[in-house]
Amino acid sequence: MSSIDDRADEIGMRAAEWVARLDGSPLSEEEQRALRSWLEEAPDHRAAFEEAGATWRELSLLRHDPGPLRGLSRTRRKSSVAQRALRIGALLGLLALGAGIARYQFGDLWLLATADYRTSPGELRTVTLADGSSVELGPASAIIVDFDDKERRVKFLAGEVFFSAMPRTDREPRPFVVEAAGGTTTALGTQFVIEEAGSGADVLAIEHQVNVALQRNGERQGVVLSPGEEVRYTPERGMGRVRSRDVETATAWRRGMLVFNGTPLRHVVETLNRYRRGRIVILDETLARRRVSGVFATDDLGDAIETMTAELGISARSIYPLITVLY
């Protein structure tokens, strides 16, 4: 009986991952074929997929209409304790059903499973590659190493990674290239950081220079960054403008600190979610754009949510330790 239950759980989680993936960037042709193949394998697959899709749509509606949560912020509304508890319980029950789906915030789970090196939420890891280059993976990060005779290529999959590339020499003529979100970053010097940014990536030069390039609509876009310069690019919008960023602040995570200075709440939550097993969810798009400042120790993020809610004058509800909803 347990084996049957385990198989049902596995099918349900796989269905949830596919539904969450469909809500992100468009599927590649290979992913579309994989999804069709999985749906056709068994009737249970399609049933689980449809059920996961219905739950996901309900969660999506909550972002636009928080329903009972809206009533919680109206303290003057006359409502019995029992009614309020019922409303909160109904919402938290729905979110509990969607807890498996919320795993999409870890990234494409089946993609991360193929990584050569990866970290769990809250974990930091440093690895030395075959050429002597050093790679520091932040929490919930993953890479694939794909060295060949022509270049030293690393595929960035998720999270935030600090690269210290061994420079090119007569003995090591191959360029060091990191592929991320459809673009490439080529080390002209040694140190740089790449961070996941929605469907795109942020690239920050730390030491010497890096060449960031993106092929979009048949046109090559590129920029050379010097230390302290950062650029964000996405497949949809192309290469953004180059901006300055304090290197010590940007890399504080390597020293066990997170520093936010007028940072959009959406980005703050994305970062915190890499350091916590539970997920933080923002229901309101306007709220996601509000800006937050603060300094937090990565080994003690217990007060981070309390600090943010106090600073922004908002509320939070939790299903400990799974989901915290900001509204």
Protein backbone atom coordinates (compact mmCIF):
# COMPACT_ATOMS: atom_id res chain seq x y z
CA MET A 1 0.00 0.00 0.00
CA SER A 2 2.83 2.36 0.86
CA SER A 3 4.38 1.86 -2.57
CA ILE A 4 1.10 2.90 -4.18
CA ASP A 5 0.94 6.00 -1.96
CA ASP A 6 4.55 6.84 -2.73
CA ARG A 7 3.86 6.58 -6.46
CA ALA A 8 0.80 8.85 -6.13
CA ASP A 9 2.87 11.40 -4.21
CA GLU A 10 5.57 11.25 -6.87
CA ILE A 11 3.03 11.77 -9.68
CA GLY A 12 1.41 14.65 -7.80
CA MET A 13 4.71 16.41 -7.23
CA ARG A 14 5.76 15.93 -10.83
CA ALA A 15 2.43 17.38 -11.99
CA ALA A 16 2.88 20.36 -9.65
CA GLU A 17 6.35 21.01 -11.06
CA TRP A 18 5.02 20.99 -14.63
CA VAL A 19 2.18 23.39 -13.77
CA ALA A 20 4.57 25.77 -12.01
CA ARG A 21 7.00 25.56 -14.93
CA LEU A 22 4.22 26.50 -17.37
CA ASP A 23 3.55 29.64 -15.33
CA GLY A 24 7.13 30.81 -15.92
CA SER A 25 9.05 31.41 -19.14
CA PRO A 26 7.81 29.59 -22.28
CA LEU A 27 8.74 25.92 -22.54
CA SER A 28 11.42 24.96 -25.00
CA GLU A 29 10.57 22.47 -27.73
CA GLU A 30 12.36 19.75 -25.80
CA GLU A 31 10.37 20.54 -22.65
CA GLN A 32 7.10 20.57 -24.62
CA ARG A 33 7.87 17.09 -25.96
CA ALA A 34 8.78 15.90 -22.47
CA LEU A 35 5.50 17.22 -21.04
CA ARG A 36 3.40 15.61 -23.80
CA SER A 37 5.23 12.32 -23.32
CA TRP A 38 4.67 12.39 -19.55
CA LEU A 39 0.95 13.16 -19.91
CA GLU A 40 0.49 10.28 -22.35
CA GLU A 41 2.28 7.72 -20.16
CA ALA A 42 -0.71 7.08 -17.89
CA PRO A 43 -4.22 8.43 -17.17
CA ASP A 44 -3.08 9.21 -13.60
CA HIS A 45 -0.60 11.72 -14.98
CA ARG A 46 -3.23 13.81 -16.77
CA ALA A 47 -5.61 13.68 -13.78
CA ALA A 48 -2.86 14.85 -11.43
CA PHE A 49 -1.87 17.57 -13.90
CA GLU A 50 -5.43 18.91 -14.09
CA GLU A 51 -5.80 18.87 -10.30
CA ALA A 52 -2.50 20.71 -9.83
CA GLY A 53 -3.55 23.24 -12.45
CA ALA A 54 -6.82 23.96 -10.64
CA THR A 55 -4.98 24.52 -7.34
CA TRP A 56 -2.44 26.78 -9.04
CA ARG A 57 -5.22 28.89 -10.56
CA GLU A 58 -6.79 29.33 -7.13
CA LEU A 59 -3.45 30.47 -5.71
CA SER A 60 -3.06 32.88 -8.63
CA LEU A 61 -6.47 34.39 -7.91
CA LEU A 62 -5.38 35.03 -4.32
CA ARG A 63 -2.65 37.35 -5.58
CA HIS A 64 -5.27 39.58 -7.20
CA ASP A 65 -8.05 39.09 -4.63
CA PRO A 66 -6.75 38.07 -1.20
CA GLY A 67 -10.30 37.52 -0.01
CA PRO A 68 -10.32 36.81 3.71
CA LEU A 69 -6.87 38.35 4.13
CA ARG A 70 -8.30 41.72 3.09
CA GLY A 71 -10.69 41.54 6.02
CA LEU A 72 -7.85 40.92 8.47
CA SER A 73 -6.41 44.39 7.85
CA ARG A 74 -9.77 46.07 8.64
CA THR A 75 -9.62 45.94 12.40
CA ARG A 76 -12.82 47.92 12.77
CA ARG A 77 -14.93 45.35 10.98
CA LYS A 78 -17.25 43.61 13.41
CA SER A 79 -16.54 39.95 13.08
CA SER A 80 -16.57 37.16 15.61
CA VAL A 81 -13.38 35.38 16.57
CA ALA A 82 -14.83 32.15 15.19
CA GLN A 83 -15.57 33.68 11.78
CA ARG A 84 -12.12 35.22 11.54
CA ALA A 85 -10.46 31.95 12.51
CA LEU A 86 -12.54 30.15 9.89
CA ARG A 87 -11.45 32.56 7.18
CA ILE A 88 -7.79 32.33 8.09
CA GLY A 89 -8.05 28.56 8.36
CA ALA A 90 -9.64 28.30 4.92
CA LEU A 91 -6.87 30.36 3.35
CA LEU A 92 -4.07 28.55 5.14
CA GLY A 93 -5.63 25.22 4.19
CA LEU A 94 -5.59 26.26 0.54
CA LEU A 95 -2.00 27.37 0.82
CA ALA A 96 -1.11 24.06 2.46
CA LEU A 97 -2.55 22.27 -0.57
CA GLY A 98 -0.35 24.44 -2.73
CA ALA A 99 2.77 23.92 -0.63
CA GLY A 100 4.05 21.29 -3.03
CA ILE A 101 3.43 23.58 -5.97
CA ALA A 102 5.24 26.37 -4.16
CA ARG A 103 8.41 24.33 -4.58
CA TYR A 104 8.67 26.04 -7.96
CA GLN A 105 10.43 28.83 -6.12
CA PHE A 106 13.41 26.49 -5.74
CA GLY A 107 13.72 26.57 -9.54
CA ASP A 108 13.25 23.86 -12.17
CA LEU A 109 13.70 20.86 -9.90
CA TRP A 110 14.34 18.31 -12.67
CA LEU A 111 16.88 20.71 -14.20
CA LEU A 112 18.68 21.22 -10.90
CA ALA A 113 18.87 17.44 -10.50
CA THR A 114 21.31 17.36 -13.42
CA ALA A 115 23.68 19.90 -11.84
CA ASP A 116 27.29 18.99 -11.23
CA TYR A 117 27.34 21.20 -8.13
CA ARG A 118 24.39 22.56 -6.16
CA THR A 119 23.47 23.86 -2.73
CA SER A 120 20.39 23.62 -0.55
CA PRO A 121 18.60 26.66 0.94
CA GLY A 122 20.90 28.35 3.43
CA GLU A 123 23.96 26.35 2.32
CA LEU A 124 27.20 27.87 1.00
CA ARG A 125 29.72 25.78 -0.90
CA THR A 126 33.10 26.42 -2.53
CA VAL A 127 34.42 24.11 -5.23
CA THR A 128 37.65 24.09 -7.21
CA LEU A 129 37.30 23.26 -10.90
CA ALA A 130 39.71 21.18 -12.97
CA ASP A 131 41.56 24.28 -14.26
CA GLY A 132 42.08 25.66 -10.74
CA SER A 133 39.25 28.19 -10.91
CA SER A 134 37.26 28.65 -7.69
CA VAL A 135 33.47 28.81 -7.59
CA GLU A 136 31.48 29.88 -4.51
CA LEU A 137 27.85 28.83 -4.67
CA GLY A 138 25.34 30.80 -2.64
CA PRO A 139 22.24 29.10 -1.20
CA ALA A 140 19.86 27.24 -3.54
CA SER A 141 22.35 27.58 -6.41
CA ALA A 142 23.41 25.16 -9.14
CA ILE A 143 25.88 24.94 -12.03
CA ILE A 144 26.97 22.49 -14.72
CA VAL A 145 30.65 22.32 -15.72
CA ASP A 146 31.18 21.74 -19.44
CA PHE A 147 34.89 22.08 -20.22
CA ASP A 148 36.20 21.03 -23.63
CA ASP A 149 39.26 21.64 -25.79
CA LYS A 150 38.06 25.07 -26.96
CA GLU A 151 36.70 26.73 -23.85
CA ARG A 152 36.05 26.39 -20.14
CA ARG A 153 32.26 26.73 -20.07
CA VAL A 154 30.09 26.71 -16.98
CA LYS A 155 26.29 26.68 -17.19
CA PHE A 156 24.64 28.73 -14.46
CA LEU A 157 21.30 27.19 -13.48
CA ALA A 158 20.04 29.04 -10.40
CA GLY A 159 20.87 31.15 -7.37
CA GLU A 160 23.96 33.32 -6.96
CA VAL A 161 27.54 32.32 -7.72
CA PHE A 162 30.92 34.05 -7.18
CA PHE A 163 33.46 33.07 -9.84
CA SER A 164 37.24 33.37 -9.47
CA ALA A 165 38.47 32.30 -12.88
CA MET A 166 42.03 31.28 -13.54
CA PRO A 167 43.36 33.76 -16.13
CA ARG A 168 44.27 32.74 -19.66
CA THR A 169 47.95 31.96 -20.19
CA ASP A 170 50.10 30.23 -22.76
CA ARG A 171 49.50 27.01 -20.84
CA GLU A 172 45.76 27.70 -20.48
CA PRO A 173 44.57 29.52 -23.62
CA ARG A 174 40.90 28.56 -23.31
CA PRO A 175 38.47 31.38 -22.38
CA PHE A 176 36.41 31.04 -19.21
CA VAL A 177 32.73 31.46 -20.15
CA VAL A 178 29.59 31.29 -18.00
CA GLU A 179 26.29 30.69 -19.77
CA ALA A 180 23.21 32.04 -17.97
CA ALA A 181 19.64 32.90 -19.02
CA GLY A 182 20.48 32.82 -22.71
CA GLY A 183 23.53 35.09 -22.38
CA THR A 184 27.23 34.59 -21.75
CA THR A 185 29.79 36.19 -19.47
CA THR A 186 33.43 35.85 -20.53
CA ALA A 187 36.16 36.55 -17.99
CA LEU A 188 38.65 39.12 -19.25
CA GLY A 189 40.10 39.14 -15.76
CA THR A 190 39.24 36.93 -12.82
CA GLN A 191 36.39 37.67 -10.39
CA PHE A 192 32.69 38.29 -11.04
CA VAL A 193 29.26 37.38 -9.65
CA ILE A 194 26.18 36.13 -11.47
CA GLU A 195 22.79 36.20 -9.75
CA GLU A 196 19.45 34.87 -10.94
CA ALA A 197 17.01 37.72 -11.68
CA GLY A 198 13.61 36.41 -12.73
CA SER A 199 13.98 35.07 -16.25
CA GLY A 200 17.30 36.88 -16.66
CA ALA A 201 20.57 37.41 -14.80
CA ASP A 202 22.55 40.11 -12.99
CA VAL A 203 26.29 40.20 -13.70
CA LEU A 204 28.65 42.17 -11.43
CA ALA A 205 32.35 42.62 -12.17
CA ILE A 206 34.52 42.32 -9.05
CA GLU A 207 38.10 42.28 -10.32
CA HIS A 208 39.38 43.26 -13.76
CA GLN A 209 36.74 43.09 -16.51
CA VAL A 210 34.09 40.78 -17.94
CA ASN A 211 32.41 40.74 -21.34
CA VAL A 212 28.63 40.19 -21.13
CA ALA A 213 26.83 39.23 -24.36
CA LEU A 214 23.31 38.33 -25.38
CA GLN A 215 21.89 37.21 -28.72
CA ARG A 216 18.38 38.64 -29.15
CA ASN A 217 16.23 38.73 -32.27
CA GLY A 218 19.25 37.84 -34.38
CA GLU A 219 21.23 40.78 -33.02
CA ARG A 220 24.18 40.54 -30.64
CA GLN A 221 24.11 42.86 -27.65
CA GLY A 222 27.17 43.19 -25.47
CA VAL A 223 28.92 45.27 -22.85
CA VAL A 224 32.26 45.18 -21.04
CA LEU A 225 32.02 45.68 -17.28
CA SER A 226 34.74 47.10 -15.05
CA PRO A 227 34.96 46.47 -11.28
CA GLY A 228 31.90 47.75 -9.46
CA GLU A 229 29.74 47.78 -12.60
CA GLU A 230 26.66 45.61 -12.98
CA VAL A 231 24.21 44.85 -15.76
CA ARG A 232 20.94 42.95 -15.90
CA TYR A 233 19.72 41.21 -19.04
CA THR A 234 16.68 39.12 -19.90
CA PRO A 235 15.75 37.19 -23.05
CA GLU A 236 12.59 39.31 -23.30
CA ARG A 237 14.01 42.82 -22.79
CA GLY A 238 17.60 42.36 -23.83
CA MET A 239 20.61 44.08 -22.26
CA GLY A 240 19.87 46.65 -19.57
CA ARG A 241 21.86 49.74 -18.68
CA VAL A 242 25.15 49.48 -16.81
CA ARG A 243 24.92 50.71 -13.24
CA SER A 244 27.34 51.07 -10.34
CA ARG A 245 27.07 48.87 -7.28
CA ASP A 246 29.05 48.67 -4.06
CA VAL A 247 31.02 45.43 -4.28
CA GLU A 248 31.29 44.93 -0.50
CA THR A 249 27.54 45.23 -0.09
CA ALA A 250 26.75 43.03 -3.08
CA THR A 251 29.02 40.23 -1.86
CA ALA A 252 28.18 40.50 1.85
CA TRP A 253 26.47 37.09 1.60
CA ARG A 254 29.93 35.53 1.39
CA ARG A 255 30.58 36.93 4.88
CA GLY A 256 27.25 35.82 6.31
CA MET A 257 25.33 39.07 5.84
CA LEU A 258 22.52 40.29 3.59
CA VAL A 259 22.39 44.03 2.93
CA PHE A 260 19.40 45.71 1.29
CA ASN A 261 19.34 49.42 0.55
CA GLY A 262 16.11 50.61 -1.04
CA THR A 263 15.69 47.19 -2.66
CA PRO A 264 12.29 46.17 -4.14
CA LEU A 265 10.49 43.78 -1.81
CA ARG A 266 10.22 41.25 -4.65
CA HIS A 267 14.01 40.96 -4.87
CA VAL A 268 14.37 40.86 -1.08
CA VAL A 269 11.91 37.95 -0.90
CA GLU A 270 13.63 36.10 -3.77
CA THR A 271 16.90 36.39 -1.86
CA LEU A 272 15.48 35.36 1.51
CA ASN A 273 13.80 32.34 -0.07
CA ARG A 274 17.23 31.01 -0.99
CA TYR A 275 18.18 31.05 2.68
CA ARG A 276 15.01 29.54 4.15
CA ARG A 277 13.30 26.16 3.84
CA GLY A 278 9.90 27.86 3.98
CA ARG A 279 8.64 30.12 1.20
CA ILE A 280 7.67 33.78 1.47
CA VAL A 281 4.85 34.75 -0.89
CA ILE A 282 3.73 38.29 -1.80
CA LEU A 283 0.07 38.48 -2.75
CA ASP A 284 0.00 42.06 -4.03
CA GLU A 285 1.99 43.27 -7.06
CA THR A 286 2.04 46.85 -5.77
CA LEU A 287 3.48 45.60 -2.49
CA ALA A 288 6.15 43.63 -4.38
CA ARG A 289 7.47 46.90 -5.83
CA ARG A 290 7.84 48.69 -2.50
CA ARG A 291 11.40 49.20 -1.30
CA VAL A 292 13.10 47.79 1.78
CA SER A 293 16.32 48.58 3.63
CA GLY A 294 17.98 46.44 6.26
CA VAL A 295 20.97 44.32 7.27
CA PHE A 296 20.42 40.70 8.31
CA ALA A 297 22.73 37.90 9.46
CA THR A 298 22.21 34.88 7.22
CA ASP A 299 22.43 32.48 10.16
CA ASP A 300 19.62 34.30 12.00
CA LEU A 301 16.88 35.49 9.67
CA GLY A 302 14.12 35.09 12.22
CA ASP A 303 13.60 38.82 12.57
CA ALA A 304 13.79 39.61 8.83
CA ILE A 305 10.05 39.24 8.19
CA GLU A 306 9.17 41.14 11.36
CA THR A 307 11.50 43.98 10.36
CA MET A 308 10.07 44.19 6.82
CA THR A 309 6.45 44.15 7.94
CA ALA A 310 7.14 46.86 10.51
CA GLU A 311 9.02 49.04 8.02
CA LEU A 312 6.34 48.73 5.34
CA GLY A 313 3.35 48.72 7.68
CA ILE A 314 2.04 45.43 6.32
CA SER A 315 0.93 42.11 7.79
CA ALA A 316 2.09 38.50 7.56
CA ARG A 317 0.46 35.10 8.16
CA SER A 318 2.34 31.80 8.26
CA ILE A 319 1.90 28.06 7.96
CA TYR A 320 5.06 27.26 9.90
CA PRO A 321 7.46 26.23 8.52
CA LEU A 322 6.08 26.05 4.97
CA ILE A 323 4.68 29.36 3.76
CA THR A 324 4.59 32.97 4.96
CA VAL A 325 2.16 35.30 3.18
CA LEU A 326 2.86 39.04 3.05
CA TYR A 327 -0.14 41.30 2.43
